[in-house]
Amino acid sequence: MTTTTGTPRTTLGDGLETSLLGYGAMGLAQVYGAVDEDDALATLHHVVDVGIDLVDTADLYGQGSNERLVGRLLADRRDEVTLATKFGIVPEDDTYTRMSARNDPAYAAEAVDASLHRLGVDVIDLYYLHRRDPRVPVEDVVGAMADLVRAGKVRHLGLSEVTAAELRAAQAVHPIAAVQSEWSLWSRDVERAVVPAAAELGVGFVPYSPLSRGFLAGGLAGAGSLVGDWRSNLERFRGSAFEANQALVAVVRGIAEERGATPAQVALAWLRHQGEALGLPVVPIPGSRRAARVDENLASLALTLDAEALAALGELADGVVGARSDRSDPDWVSDTRE
């Protein structure tokens, strides 16, 4: 099934249909440096113009400003967008340099109303729990989220960075449409347990940072080019780790050049192949500030990788230097998810 633009579509869990590639709007929230809001809005309109309808944001990004920006898009094009947002991470100080998870049912009810107001809509298509607070049983928070569905404020539920056991417990309370976690050529821990559980339960997977926060796109000149960019805090983007990881990007670039593609297209095509091999729908949400990058990413849907390329790419994760996240990360991961 395709959109009027010809963009392929798929169905996640709970009957949620969406484009086969989504868009992550976090990068429009000044986490990678200053953003011109009008330019950002133009990029969002281009995303929808080319048939990408899954637009992903969160209440945390830009202290709510990212939701307000997406709301400007929705004011004109609500019927063309499958809207995803998240709750459950709260800052511990005014600088947003440390964060914690909050999952109590009262907060879920408070957070959804605040997001609906910022977005300027009556209902959210896909509402994620952004991070788990282990002090609150997952059944309790998902039960509260199910109340939001019954109230007509949310259509489908999602979970981000959960364990396989948490996903199973949640699914027993209410159908889960999607799990969102980091998943890429360089970040494959979810394949151990969470991905198999999602496939078994009929839950779709929405990989964030499918290009490893831009590293796999091959356009970063060096660690010094990230001054003022929060990625400079991450191990993979610092000093000798950056240089070691650049060597892995060179492998992706070589495979791309042999096939008349770009490194980003190869990385996204690899994820699509992984979803097919592991038996579940996968909708990556790469983000970009530029329309040309959106078009480049979308073209990955036409790229097929042969067995030789898949074998070479499958070895890369073992060589990555540095952890994928820390507590300065807007998509911080509290621990290893199994």
C-alpha atoms as a PDB file:
ATOM      1  CA  MET A   1       0.000   0.000   0.000  1.00  0.00           C
ATOM      2  CA  THR A   2       1.379   3.443  -0.870  1.00  0.00           C
ATOM      3  CA  THR A   3       0.571   7.076  -0.334  1.00  0.00           C
ATOM      4  CA  THR A   4      -0.394   9.335  -3.204  1.00  0.00           C
ATOM      5  CA  THR A   5       3.307  10.210  -3.495  1.00  0.00           C
ATOM      6  CA  GLY A   6       4.233   6.543  -3.914  1.00  0.00           C
ATOM      7  CA  THR A   7       5.964   6.258  -0.527  1.00  0.00           C
ATOM      8  CA  PRO A   8       5.744   2.624   0.685  1.00  0.00           C
ATOM      9  CA  ARG A   9       3.729   1.977   3.816  1.00  0.00           C
ATOM     10  CA  THR A  10       3.576  -0.644   6.526  1.00  0.00           C
ATOM     11  CA  THR A  11       1.506  -1.521   9.575  1.00  0.00           C
ATOM     12  CA  LEU A  12       3.002  -1.442  13.057  1.00  0.00           C
ATOM     13  CA  GLY A  13       1.253  -3.120  15.984  1.00  0.00           C
ATOM     14  CA  ASP A  14      -2.369  -2.523  16.981  1.00  0.00           C
ATOM     15  CA  GLY A  15      -3.274  -1.791  13.336  1.00  0.00           C
ATOM     16  CA  LEU A  16      -1.336   1.492  13.161  1.00  0.00           C
ATOM     17  CA  GLU A  17      -0.497   2.165   9.512  1.00  0.00           C
ATOM     18  CA  THR A  18       2.317   4.528   8.594  1.00  0.00           C
ATOM     19  CA  SER A  19       4.934   5.304   5.974  1.00  0.00           C
ATOM     20  CA  LEU A  20       7.830   2.840   5.862  1.00  0.00           C
ATOM     21  CA  LEU A  21      10.189   5.660   6.836  1.00  0.00           C
ATOM     22  CA  GLY A  22       9.388   8.210   9.532  1.00  0.00           C
ATOM     23  CA  TYR A  23      10.925  11.489  10.632  1.00  0.00           C
ATOM     24  CA  GLY A  24      12.470  12.315  14.008  1.00  0.00           C
ATOM     25  CA  ALA A  25      11.976  15.986  14.810  1.00  0.00           C
ATOM     26  CA  MET A  26      14.320  16.153  17.823  1.00  0.00           C
ATOM     27  CA  GLY A  27      17.087  17.705  15.707  1.00  0.00           C
ATOM     28  CA  LEU A  28      14.881  20.738  15.145  1.00  0.00           C
ATOM     29  CA  ALA A  29      14.961  21.492  18.883  1.00  0.00           C
ATOM     30  CA  GLN A  30      18.430  23.103  18.938  1.00  0.00           C
ATOM     31  CA  VAL A  31      20.151  20.019  20.363  1.00  0.00           C
ATOM     32  CA  TYR A  32      22.655  20.225  17.489  1.00  0.00           C
ATOM     33  CA  GLY A  33      23.053  24.010  17.737  1.00  0.00           C
ATOM     34  CA  ALA A  34      20.888  26.985  16.801  1.00  0.00           C
ATOM     35  CA  VAL A  35      17.838  26.432  14.584  1.00  0.00           C
ATOM     36  CA  ASP A  36      15.864  28.927  12.527  1.00  0.00           C
ATOM     37  CA  GLU A  37      12.245  28.047  13.277  1.00  0.00           C
ATOM     38  CA  ASP A  38      10.928  29.059   9.863  1.00  0.00           C
ATOM     39  CA  ASP A  39      13.547  26.891   8.160  1.00  0.00           C
ATOM     40  CA  ALA A  40      12.661  24.045  10.510  1.00  0.00           C
ATOM     41  CA  LEU A  41       8.984  24.396   9.672  1.00  0.00           C
ATOM     42  CA  ALA A  42       9.804  24.354   5.955  1.00  0.00           C
ATOM     43  CA  THR A  43      11.663  21.068   6.471  1.00  0.00           C
ATOM     44  CA  LEU A  44       8.669  19.593   8.277  1.00  0.00           C
ATOM     45  CA  HIS A  45       6.390  20.580   5.407  1.00  0.00           C
ATOM     46  CA  HIS A  46       8.801  18.941   2.968  1.00  0.00           C
ATOM     47  CA  VAL A  47       8.725  15.744   5.026  1.00  0.00           C
ATOM     48  CA  VAL A  48       4.961  15.546   4.563  1.00  0.00           C
ATOM     49  CA  ASP A  49       5.154  16.657   0.919  1.00  0.00           C
ATOM     50  CA  VAL A  50       7.255  13.592   0.020  1.00  0.00           C
ATOM     51  CA  GLY A  51       4.895  11.184   1.766  1.00  0.00           C
ATOM     52  CA  ILE A  52       6.546  10.642   5.144  1.00  0.00           C
ATOM     53  CA  ASP A  53       3.667  10.808   7.576  1.00  0.00           C
ATOM     54  CA  LEU A  54       5.113   9.513  10.883  1.00  0.00           C
ATOM     55  CA  VAL A  55       6.465  12.625  12.646  1.00  0.00           C
ATOM     56  CA  ASP A  56       8.051  11.960  16.044  1.00  0.00           C
ATOM     57  CA  THR A  57       8.619  14.458  18.860  1.00  0.00           C
ATOM     58  CA  ALA A  58       8.572  14.497  22.694  1.00  0.00           C
ATOM     59  CA  ASP A  59       7.629  16.857  25.493  1.00  0.00           C
ATOM     60  CA  LEU A  60      11.287  16.893  26.604  1.00  0.00           C
ATOM     61  CA  TYR A  61      12.784  18.169  23.353  1.00  0.00           C
ATOM     62  CA  GLY A  62      13.543  21.861  23.590  1.00  0.00           C
ATOM     63  CA  GLN A  63      11.588  22.079  26.851  1.00  0.00           C
ATOM     64  CA  GLY A  64       8.348  21.793  24.884  1.00  0.00           C
ATOM     65  CA  SER A  65       9.418  23.969  21.962  1.00  0.00           C
ATOM     66  CA  ASN A  66       9.697  20.971  19.612  1.00  0.00           C
ATOM     67  CA  GLU A  67       6.065  20.049  20.200  1.00  0.00           C
ATOM     68  CA  ARG A  68       5.036  23.649  19.575  1.00  0.00           C
ATOM     69  CA  LEU A  69       6.984  23.643  16.303  1.00  0.00           C
ATOM     70  CA  VAL A  70       5.313  20.411  15.170  1.00  0.00           C
ATOM     71  CA  GLY A  71       2.041  22.000  16.196  1.00  0.00           C
ATOM     72  CA  ARG A  72       2.603  24.719  13.599  1.00  0.00           C
ATOM     73  CA  LEU A  73       2.812  21.993  10.944  1.00  0.00           C
ATOM     74  CA  LEU A  74      -0.301  20.294  12.287  1.00  0.00           C
ATOM     75  CA  ALA A  75      -2.290  23.506  12.184  1.00  0.00           C
ATOM     76  CA  ASP A  76      -2.321  23.180   8.389  1.00  0.00           C
ATOM     77  CA  ARG A  77      -1.806  19.456   7.788  1.00  0.00           C
ATOM     78  CA  ARG A  78      -3.172  17.442  10.716  1.00  0.00           C
ATOM     79  CA  ASP A  79      -4.895  14.872   8.493  1.00  0.00           C
ATOM     80  CA  GLU A  80      -1.618  14.110   6.668  1.00  0.00           C
ATOM     81  CA  VAL A  81       0.439  13.324   9.774  1.00  0.00           C
ATOM     82  CA  THR A  82       0.669  10.309  12.046  1.00  0.00           C
ATOM     83  CA  LEU A  83       1.670  12.172  15.193  1.00  0.00           C
ATOM     84  CA  ALA A  84       3.933  10.542  17.784  1.00  0.00           C
ATOM     85  CA  THR A  85       5.070  12.146  21.015  1.00  0.00           C
ATOM     86  CA  LYS A  86       6.359  10.967  24.376  1.00  0.00           C
ATOM     87  CA  PHE A  87       6.284  11.591  28.110  1.00  0.00           C
ATOM     88  CA  GLY A  88       8.137  10.211  31.092  1.00  0.00           C
ATOM     89  CA  ILE A  89      11.517  11.985  31.246  1.00  0.00           C
ATOM     90  CA  VAL A  90      11.759  15.067  33.444  1.00  0.00           C
ATOM     91  CA  PRO A  91      14.751  17.387  33.931  1.00  0.00           C
ATOM     92  CA  GLU A  92      16.393  17.469  37.330  1.00  0.00           C
ATOM     93  CA  ASP A  93      17.553  21.074  36.924  1.00  0.00           C
ATOM     94  CA  ASP A  94      17.011  24.122  34.744  1.00  0.00           C
ATOM     95  CA  THR A  95      19.963  23.280  32.483  1.00  0.00           C
ATOM     96  CA  TYR A  96      18.507  19.940  31.330  1.00  0.00           C
ATOM     97  CA  THR A  97      21.913  18.327  31.897  1.00  0.00           C
ATOM     98  CA  ARG A  98      20.518  15.647  34.225  1.00  0.00           C
ATOM     99  CA  MET A  99      17.213  13.848  33.813  1.00  0.00           C
ATOM    100  CA  SER A 100      15.129  11.233  35.568  1.00  0.00           C
ATOM    101  CA  ALA A 101      12.138   9.091  34.675  1.00  0.00           C
ATOM    102  CA  ARG A 102       8.634   9.691  36.004  1.00  0.00           C
ATOM    103  CA  ASN A 103       5.902   7.098  35.397  1.00  0.00           C
ATOM    104  CA  ASP A 104       3.185   7.680  37.998  1.00  0.00           C
ATOM    105  CA  PRO A 105      -0.370   7.584  36.594  1.00  0.00           C
ATOM    106  CA  ALA A 106      -1.177  11.119  37.749  1.00  0.00           C
ATOM    107  CA  TYR A 107       1.782  12.438  35.771  1.00  0.00           C
ATOM    108  CA  ALA A 108       0.673  10.575  32.646  1.00  0.00           C
ATOM    109  CA  ALA A 109      -2.666  12.378  32.777  1.00  0.00           C
ATOM    110  CA  GLU A 110      -0.962  15.723  33.369  1.00  0.00           C
ATOM    111  CA  ALA A 111       1.647  15.223  30.643  1.00  0.00           C
ATOM    112  CA  VAL A 112      -0.784  14.277  27.878  1.00  0.00           C
ATOM    113  CA  ASP A 113      -2.884  17.396  28.448  1.00  0.00           C
ATOM    114  CA  ALA A 114       0.218  19.577  28.302  1.00  0.00           C
ATOM    115  CA  SER A 115       1.350  17.928  25.052  1.00  0.00           C
ATOM    116  CA  LEU A 116      -2.086  18.245  23.461  1.00  0.00           C
ATOM    117  CA  HIS A 117      -2.046  21.952  24.278  1.00  0.00           C
ATOM    118  CA  ARG A 118       1.443  22.545  22.861  1.00  0.00           C
ATOM    119  CA  LEU A 119       0.651  20.541  19.725  1.00  0.00           C
ATOM    120  CA  GLY A 120      -2.726  22.215  19.256  1.00  0.00           C
ATOM    121  CA  VAL A 121      -4.560  18.941  18.657  1.00  0.00           C
ATOM    122  CA  ASP A 122      -7.360  16.924  20.267  1.00  0.00           C
ATOM    123  CA  VAL A 123      -5.748  13.492  19.945  1.00  0.00           C
ATOM    124  CA  ILE A 124      -2.241  11.991  19.656  1.00  0.00           C
ATOM    125  CA  ASP A 125      -1.887   9.087  17.236  1.00  0.00           C
ATOM    126  CA  LEU A 126       0.979   7.315  19.018  1.00  0.00           C
ATOM    127  CA  TYR A 127       1.831   8.138  22.641  1.00  0.00           C
ATOM    128  CA  TYR A 128       5.051   6.693  24.029  1.00  0.00           C
ATOM    129  CA  LEU A 129       6.319   6.185  27.525  1.00  0.00           C
ATOM    130  CA  HIS A 130       9.732   7.785  26.958  1.00  0.00           C
ATOM    131  CA  ARG A 131      11.608   5.998  29.761  1.00  0.00           C
ATOM    132  CA  ARG A 132      10.756   3.460  32.442  1.00  0.00           C
ATOM    133  CA  ASP A 133      10.903   4.282  36.130  1.00  0.00           C
ATOM    134  CA  PRO A 134      11.445   0.840  37.713  1.00  0.00           C
ATOM    135  CA  ARG A 135       9.846   2.058  40.933  1.00  0.00           C
ATOM    136  CA  VAL A 136       6.456   2.076  39.167  1.00  0.00           C
ATOM    137  CA  PRO A 137       5.119  -1.258  37.855  1.00  0.00           C
ATOM    138  CA  VAL A 138       4.852  -1.124  34.079  1.00  0.00           C
ATOM    139  CA  GLU A 139       1.299  -2.428  34.388  1.00  0.00           C
ATOM    140  CA  ASP A 140       0.353   0.694  36.360  1.00  0.00           C
ATOM    141  CA  VAL A 141       1.712   3.242  33.913  1.00  0.00           C
ATOM    142  CA  VAL A 142       0.396   1.384  30.859  1.00  0.00           C
ATOM    143  CA  GLY A 143      -2.958   1.120  32.609  1.00  0.00           C
ATOM    144  CA  ALA A 144      -2.946   4.895  32.997  1.00  0.00           C
ATOM    145  CA  MET A 145      -2.015   5.285  29.336  1.00  0.00           C
ATOM    146  CA  ALA A 146      -4.865   2.949  28.384  1.00  0.00           C
ATOM    147  CA  ASP A 147      -7.183   5.332  30.240  1.00  0.00           C
ATOM    148  CA  LEU A 148      -6.001   8.063  27.861  1.00  0.00           C
ATOM    149  CA  VAL A 149      -7.041   5.885  24.912  1.00  0.00           C
ATOM    150  CA  ARG A 150     -10.467   5.353  26.452  1.00  0.00           C
ATOM    151  CA  ALA A 151     -10.742   9.105  27.025  1.00  0.00           C
ATOM    152  CA  GLY A 152     -10.113   9.739  23.321  1.00  0.00           C
ATOM    153  CA  LYS A 153      -6.875  11.661  23.906  1.00  0.00           C
ATOM    154  CA  VAL A 154      -4.611   8.968  22.420  1.00  0.00           C
ATOM    155  CA  ARG A 155      -5.154   6.410  19.657  1.00  0.00           C
ATOM    156  CA  HIS A 156      -2.221   3.991  20.098  1.00  0.00           C
ATOM    157  CA  LEU A 157       0.379   3.300  22.782  1.00  0.00           C
ATOM    158  CA  GLY A 158       4.134   2.908  22.496  1.00  0.00           C
ATOM    159  CA  LEU A 159       7.090   2.221  24.778  1.00  0.00           C
ATOM    160  CA  SER A 160      10.653   3.476  24.481  1.00  0.00           C
ATOM    161  CA  GLU A 161      13.797   1.646  25.644  1.00  0.00           C
ATOM    162  CA  VAL A 162      11.947  -1.095  27.512  1.00  0.00           C
ATOM    163  CA  THR A 163      13.057  -4.636  28.266  1.00  0.00           C
ATOM    164  CA  ALA A 164      11.456  -7.692  26.709  1.00  0.00           C
ATOM    165  CA  ALA A 165       9.832  -8.521  30.063  1.00  0.00           C
ATOM    166  CA  GLU A 166       8.406  -4.999  30.338  1.00  0.00           C
ATOM    167  CA  LEU A 167       7.028  -5.222  26.814  1.00  0.00           C
ATOM    168  CA  ARG A 168       5.305  -8.507  27.576  1.00  0.00           C
ATOM    169  CA  ALA A 169       3.800  -7.128  30.786  1.00  0.00           C
ATOM    170  CA  ALA A 170       2.595  -4.005  28.999  1.00  0.00           C
ATOM    171  CA  GLN A 171       1.052  -5.951  26.121  1.00  0.00           C
ATOM    172  CA  ALA A 172      -0.991  -7.921  28.660  1.00  0.00           C
ATOM    173  CA  VAL A 173      -2.588  -4.652  29.810  1.00  0.00           C
ATOM    174  CA  HIS A 174      -3.194  -2.929  26.441  1.00  0.00           C
ATOM    175  CA  PRO A 175      -2.073  -3.509  22.835  1.00  0.00           C
ATOM    176  CA  ILE A 176       1.262  -1.846  22.139  1.00  0.00           C
ATOM    177  CA  ALA A 177       1.711  -0.425  18.642  1.00  0.00           C
ATOM    178  CA  ALA A 178       5.463   0.190  18.720  1.00  0.00           C
ATOM    179  CA  VAL A 179       8.670  -0.039  20.671  1.00  0.00           C
ATOM    180  CA  GLN A 180      11.088   2.817  20.077  1.00  0.00           C
ATOM    181  CA  SER A 181      14.749   2.253  20.905  1.00  0.00           C
ATOM    182  CA  GLU A 182      18.077   3.106  19.386  1.00  0.00           C
ATOM    183  CA  TRP A 183      18.876   0.554  16.694  1.00  0.00           C
ATOM    184  CA  SER A 184      21.444   0.897  13.966  1.00  0.00           C
ATOM    185  CA  LEU A 185      24.492  -0.751  12.428  1.00  0.00           C
ATOM    186  CA  TRP A 186      26.352   0.419  15.524  1.00  0.00           C
ATOM    187  CA  SER A 187      23.738  -0.165  18.234  1.00  0.00           C
ATOM    188  CA  ARG A 188      22.299  -3.672  18.101  1.00  0.00           C
ATOM    189  CA  ASP A 189      21.698  -4.633  21.735  1.00  0.00           C
ATOM    190  CA  VAL A 190      17.930  -4.653  21.146  1.00  0.00           C
ATOM    191  CA  GLU A 191      18.324  -7.658  18.844  1.00  0.00           C
ATOM    192  CA  ARG A 192      19.127  -9.897  21.828  1.00  0.00           C
ATOM    193  CA  ALA A 193      15.698  -9.894  23.458  1.00  0.00           C
ATOM    194  CA  VAL A 194      13.477  -6.879  22.744  1.00  0.00           C
ATOM    195  CA  VAL A 195      13.236  -7.311  18.988  1.00  0.00           C
ATOM    196  CA  PRO A 196      12.369 -11.037  19.228  1.00  0.00           C
ATOM    197  CA  ALA A 197       9.706 -10.248  21.839  1.00  0.00           C
ATOM    198  CA  ALA A 198       8.210  -7.529  19.640  1.00  0.00           C
ATOM    199  CA  ALA A 199       8.131  -9.896  16.656  1.00  0.00           C
ATOM    200  CA  GLU A 200       6.411 -12.581  18.728  1.00  0.00           C
ATOM    201  CA  LEU A 201       3.810 -10.150  20.105  1.00  0.00           C
ATOM    202  CA  GLY A 202       3.060  -8.411  16.797  1.00  0.00           C
ATOM    203  CA  VAL A 203       4.527  -5.096  17.941  1.00  0.00           C
ATOM    204  CA  GLY A 204       6.260  -2.808  15.434  1.00  0.00           C
ATOM    205  CA  PHE A 205       9.707  -1.300  15.974  1.00  0.00           C
ATOM    206  CA  VAL A 206      10.649   2.356  15.479  1.00  0.00           C
ATOM    207  CA  PRO A 207      14.434   2.765  15.602  1.00  0.00           C
ATOM    208  CA  TYR A 208      15.615   6.206  16.675  1.00  0.00           C
ATOM    209  CA  SER A 209      19.128   7.391  15.762  1.00  0.00           C
ATOM    210  CA  PRO A 210      19.247   4.877  12.879  1.00  0.00           C
ATOM    211  CA  LEU A 211      22.260   6.820  11.553  1.00  0.00           C
ATOM    212  CA  SER A 212      23.982   6.783  14.951  1.00  0.00           C
ATOM    213  CA  ARG A 213      23.207  10.472  15.545  1.00  0.00           C
ATOM    214  CA  GLY A 214      24.522  11.400  12.122  1.00  0.00           C
ATOM    215  CA  PHE A 215      27.839   9.552  12.397  1.00  0.00           C
ATOM    216  CA  LEU A 216      26.829   6.897   9.869  1.00  0.00           C
ATOM    217  CA  ALA A 217      25.838   9.551   7.339  1.00  0.00           C
ATOM    218  CA  GLY A 218      29.580  10.116   6.902  1.00  0.00           C
ATOM    219  CA  GLY A 219      29.531  13.886   6.970  1.00  0.00           C
ATOM    220  CA  LEU A 220      31.264  14.675  10.266  1.00  0.00           C
ATOM    221  CA  ALA A 221      34.690  16.213   9.669  1.00  0.00           C
ATOM    222  CA  GLY A 222      36.104  15.525  13.115  1.00  0.00           C
ATOM    223  CA  ALA A 223      35.452  15.767  16.837  1.00  0.00           C
ATOM    224  CA  GLY A 224      36.418  19.456  16.722  1.00  0.00           C
ATOM    225  CA  SER A 225      33.517  20.171  14.379  1.00  0.00           C
ATOM    226  CA  LEU A 226      31.026  19.461  17.178  1.00  0.00           C
ATOM    227  CA  VAL A 227      31.732  22.505  19.359  1.00  0.00           C
ATOM    228  CA  GLY A 228      28.418  23.597  20.892  1.00  0.00           C
ATOM    229  CA  ASP A 229      26.800  20.290  19.917  1.00  0.00           C
ATOM    230  CA  TRP A 230      25.711  17.968  22.753  1.00  0.00           C
ATOM    231  CA  ARG A 231      27.072  14.972  20.803  1.00  0.00           C
ATOM    232  CA  SER A 232      30.557  16.140  21.812  1.00  0.00           C
ATOM    233  CA  ASN A 233      29.721  14.778  25.291  1.00  0.00           C
ATOM    234  CA  LEU A 234      29.215  11.229  24.003  1.00  0.00           C
ATOM    235  CA  GLU A 235      32.093   8.751  24.057  1.00  0.00           C
ATOM    236  CA  ARG A 236      31.700   7.769  20.399  1.00  0.00           C
ATOM    237  CA  PHE A 237      32.178  11.364  19.301  1.00  0.00           C
ATOM    238  CA  ARG A 238      35.264  12.223  21.376  1.00  0.00           C
ATOM    239  CA  GLY A 239      38.999  12.047  20.690  1.00  0.00           C
ATOM    240  CA  SER A 240      40.463   8.695  19.753  1.00  0.00           C
ATOM    241  CA  ALA A 241      37.029   7.030  19.789  1.00  0.00           C
ATOM    242  CA  PHE A 242      35.868   9.404  17.064  1.00  0.00           C
ATOM    243  CA  GLU A 243      38.850   8.528  14.897  1.00  0.00           C
ATOM    244  CA  ALA A 244      38.420   4.785  15.454  1.00  0.00           C
ATOM    245  CA  ASN A 245      34.747   4.979  14.557  1.00  0.00           C
ATOM    246  CA  GLN A 246      35.528   6.970  11.405  1.00  0.00           C
ATOM    247  CA  ALA A 247      37.307   3.868  10.126  1.00  0.00           C
ATOM    248  CA  LEU A 248      34.024   1.964  10.415  1.00  0.00           C
ATOM    249  CA  VAL A 249      32.210   4.708   8.527  1.00  0.00           C
ATOM    250  CA  ALA A 250      34.746   4.187   5.748  1.00  0.00           C
ATOM    251  CA  VAL A 251      33.482   0.611   5.380  1.00  0.00           C
ATOM    252  CA  VAL A 252      29.914   1.850   4.987  1.00  0.00           C
ATOM    253  CA  ARG A 253      31.077   4.490   2.523  1.00  0.00           C
ATOM    254  CA  GLY A 254      32.878   1.893   0.417  1.00  0.00           C
ATOM    255  CA  ILE A 255      29.799  -0.303   0.223  1.00  0.00           C
ATOM    256  CA  ALA A 256      27.708   2.732  -0.689  1.00  0.00           C
ATOM    257  CA  GLU A 257      30.047   3.862  -3.465  1.00  0.00           C
ATOM    258  CA  GLU A 258      30.054   0.406  -5.032  1.00  0.00           C
ATOM    259  CA  ARG A 259      26.262   0.572  -5.258  1.00  0.00           C
ATOM    260  CA  GLY A 260      25.810   4.192  -6.300  1.00  0.00           C
ATOM    261  CA  ALA A 261      24.318   5.080  -2.917  1.00  0.00           C
ATOM    262  CA  THR A 262      25.226   7.156   0.117  1.00  0.00           C
ATOM    263  CA  PRO A 263      26.337   5.880   3.546  1.00  0.00           C
ATOM    264  CA  ALA A 264      23.033   7.013   5.084  1.00  0.00           C
ATOM    265  CA  GLN A 265      21.057   5.084   2.485  1.00  0.00           C
ATOM    266  CA  VAL A 266      23.093   1.953   3.147  1.00  0.00           C
ATOM    267  CA  ALA A 267      22.580   2.233   6.914  1.00  0.00           C
ATOM    268  CA  LEU A 268      18.815   2.689   6.525  1.00  0.00           C
ATOM    269  CA  ALA A 269      18.522  -0.111   3.967  1.00  0.00           C
ATOM    270  CA  TRP A 270      20.379  -2.407   6.362  1.00  0.00           C
ATOM    271  CA  LEU A 271      17.763  -1.732   9.045  1.00  0.00           C
ATOM    272  CA  ARG A 272      14.970  -2.535   6.608  1.00  0.00           C
ATOM    273  CA  HIS A 273      16.681  -5.832   5.765  1.00  0.00           C
ATOM    274  CA  GLN A 274      17.072  -6.607   9.483  1.00  0.00           C
ATOM    275  CA  GLY A 275      13.379  -6.060  10.078  1.00  0.00           C
ATOM    276  CA  GLU A 276      12.523  -8.415   7.235  1.00  0.00           C
ATOM    277  CA  ALA A 277      14.992 -11.035   8.475  1.00  0.00           C
ATOM    278  CA  LEU A 278      13.758 -10.836  12.067  1.00  0.00           C
ATOM    279  CA  GLY A 279      10.082 -10.822  11.171  1.00  0.00           C
ATOM    280  CA  LEU A 280       8.692  -7.474  12.299  1.00  0.00           C
ATOM    281  CA  PRO A 281       7.764  -4.125  10.758  1.00  0.00           C
ATOM    282  CA  VAL A 282      10.544  -1.560  11.200  1.00  0.00           C
ATOM    283  CA  VAL A 283      10.062   2.186  10.631  1.00  0.00           C
ATOM    284  CA  PRO A 284      13.263   4.167  11.292  1.00  0.00           C
ATOM    285  CA  ILE A 285      12.923   7.858  12.170  1.00  0.00           C
ATOM    286  CA  PRO A 286      16.082   9.621  10.956  1.00  0.00           C
ATOM    287  CA  GLY A 287      16.075  13.352  11.531  1.00  0.00           C
ATOM    288  CA  SER A 288      17.548  16.108   9.426  1.00  0.00           C
ATOM    289  CA  ARG A 289      17.317  19.852   9.201  1.00  0.00           C
ATOM    290  CA  ARG A 290      17.629  19.880   5.413  1.00  0.00           C
ATOM    291  CA  ALA A 291      15.093  18.840   2.794  1.00  0.00           C
ATOM    292  CA  ALA A 292      17.846  17.339   0.633  1.00  0.00           C
ATOM    293  CA  ARG A 293      18.776  14.960   3.450  1.00  0.00           C
ATOM    294  CA  VAL A 294      15.126  13.969   3.841  1.00  0.00           C
ATOM    295  CA  ASP A 295      15.042  13.073   0.155  1.00  0.00           C
ATOM    296  CA  GLU A 296      18.310  11.157   0.469  1.00  0.00           C
ATOM    297  CA  ASN A 297      16.978   9.130   3.381  1.00  0.00           C
ATOM    298  CA  LEU A 298      13.710   8.412   1.595  1.00  0.00           C
ATOM    299  CA  ALA A 299      15.601   7.051  -1.412  1.00  0.00           C
ATOM    300  CA  SER A 300      16.991   4.300   0.844  1.00  0.00           C
ATOM    301  CA  LEU A 301      13.667   2.512   0.382  1.00  0.00           C
ATOM    302  CA  ALA A 302      14.698   1.714  -3.198  1.00  0.00           C
ATOM    303  CA  LEU A 303      18.100   0.273  -2.214  1.00  0.00           C
ATOM    304  CA  THR A 304      18.512  -3.490  -1.926  1.00  0.00           C
ATOM    305  CA  LEU A 305      21.647  -4.898  -0.313  1.00  0.00           C
ATOM    306  CA  ASP A 306      23.154  -8.198  -1.415  1.00  0.00           C
ATOM    307  CA  ALA A 307      24.459 -10.929   0.865  1.00  0.00           C
ATOM    308  CA  GLU A 308      28.062  -9.715   0.576  1.00  0.00           C
ATOM    309  CA  ALA A 309      27.164  -6.206   1.739  1.00  0.00           C
ATOM    310  CA  LEU A 310      24.957  -7.490   4.555  1.00  0.00           C
ATOM    311  CA  ALA A 311      27.750  -9.741   5.813  1.00  0.00           C
ATOM    312  CA  ALA A 312      30.288  -6.890   5.870  1.00  0.00           C
ATOM    313  CA  LEU A 313      27.857  -4.513   7.546  1.00  0.00           C
ATOM    314  CA  GLY A 314      26.857  -7.107  10.124  1.00  0.00           C
ATOM    315  CA  GLU A 315      30.393  -7.126  11.556  1.00  0.00           C
ATOM    316  CA  LEU A 316      30.618  -3.382  12.239  1.00  0.00           C
ATOM    317  CA  ALA A 317      28.915  -3.233  15.632  1.00  0.00           C
ATOM    318  CA  ASP A 318      31.675  -5.318  17.214  1.00  0.00           C
ATOM    319  CA  GLY A 319      34.224  -2.619  16.383  1.00  0.00           C
ATOM    320  CA  VAL A 320      32.419   0.457  17.725  1.00  0.00           C
ATOM    321  CA  VAL A 321      34.317   2.377  20.394  1.00  0.00           C
ATOM    322  CA  GLY A 322      32.322   4.127  23.138  1.00  0.00           C
ATOM    323  CA  ALA A 323      28.891   3.896  24.760  1.00  0.00           C
ATOM    324  CA  ARG A 324      25.856   5.037  22.815  1.00  0.00           C
ATOM    325  CA  SER A 325      24.340   7.340  25.445  1.00  0.00           C
ATOM    326  CA  ASP A 326      24.855   9.204  28.700  1.00  0.00           C
ATOM    327  CA  ARG A 327      22.744  11.372  30.993  1.00  0.00           C
ATOM    328  CA  SER A 328      23.362  14.539  28.948  1.00  0.00           C
ATOM    329  CA  ASP A 329      21.554  12.864  26.048  1.00  0.00           C
ATOM    330  CA  PRO A 330      17.965  13.980  25.272  1.00  0.00           C
ATOM    331  CA  ASP A 331      17.335  10.289  24.562  1.00  0.00           C
ATOM    332  CA  TRP A 332      19.312   9.090  27.571  1.00  0.00           C
ATOM    333  CA  VAL A 333      19.228   5.375  28.373  1.00  0.00           C
ATOM    334  CA  SER A 334      19.324   4.568  32.075  1.00  0.00           C
ATOM    335  CA  ASP A 335      20.832   1.101  31.713  1.00  0.00           C
ATOM    336  CA  THR A 336      21.283  -1.787  29.292  1.00  0.00           C
ATOM    337  CA  ARG A 337      17.898  -2.970  28.073  1.00  0.00           C
ATOM    338  CA  GLU A 338      17.345  -6.715  27.640  1.00  0.00           C
END
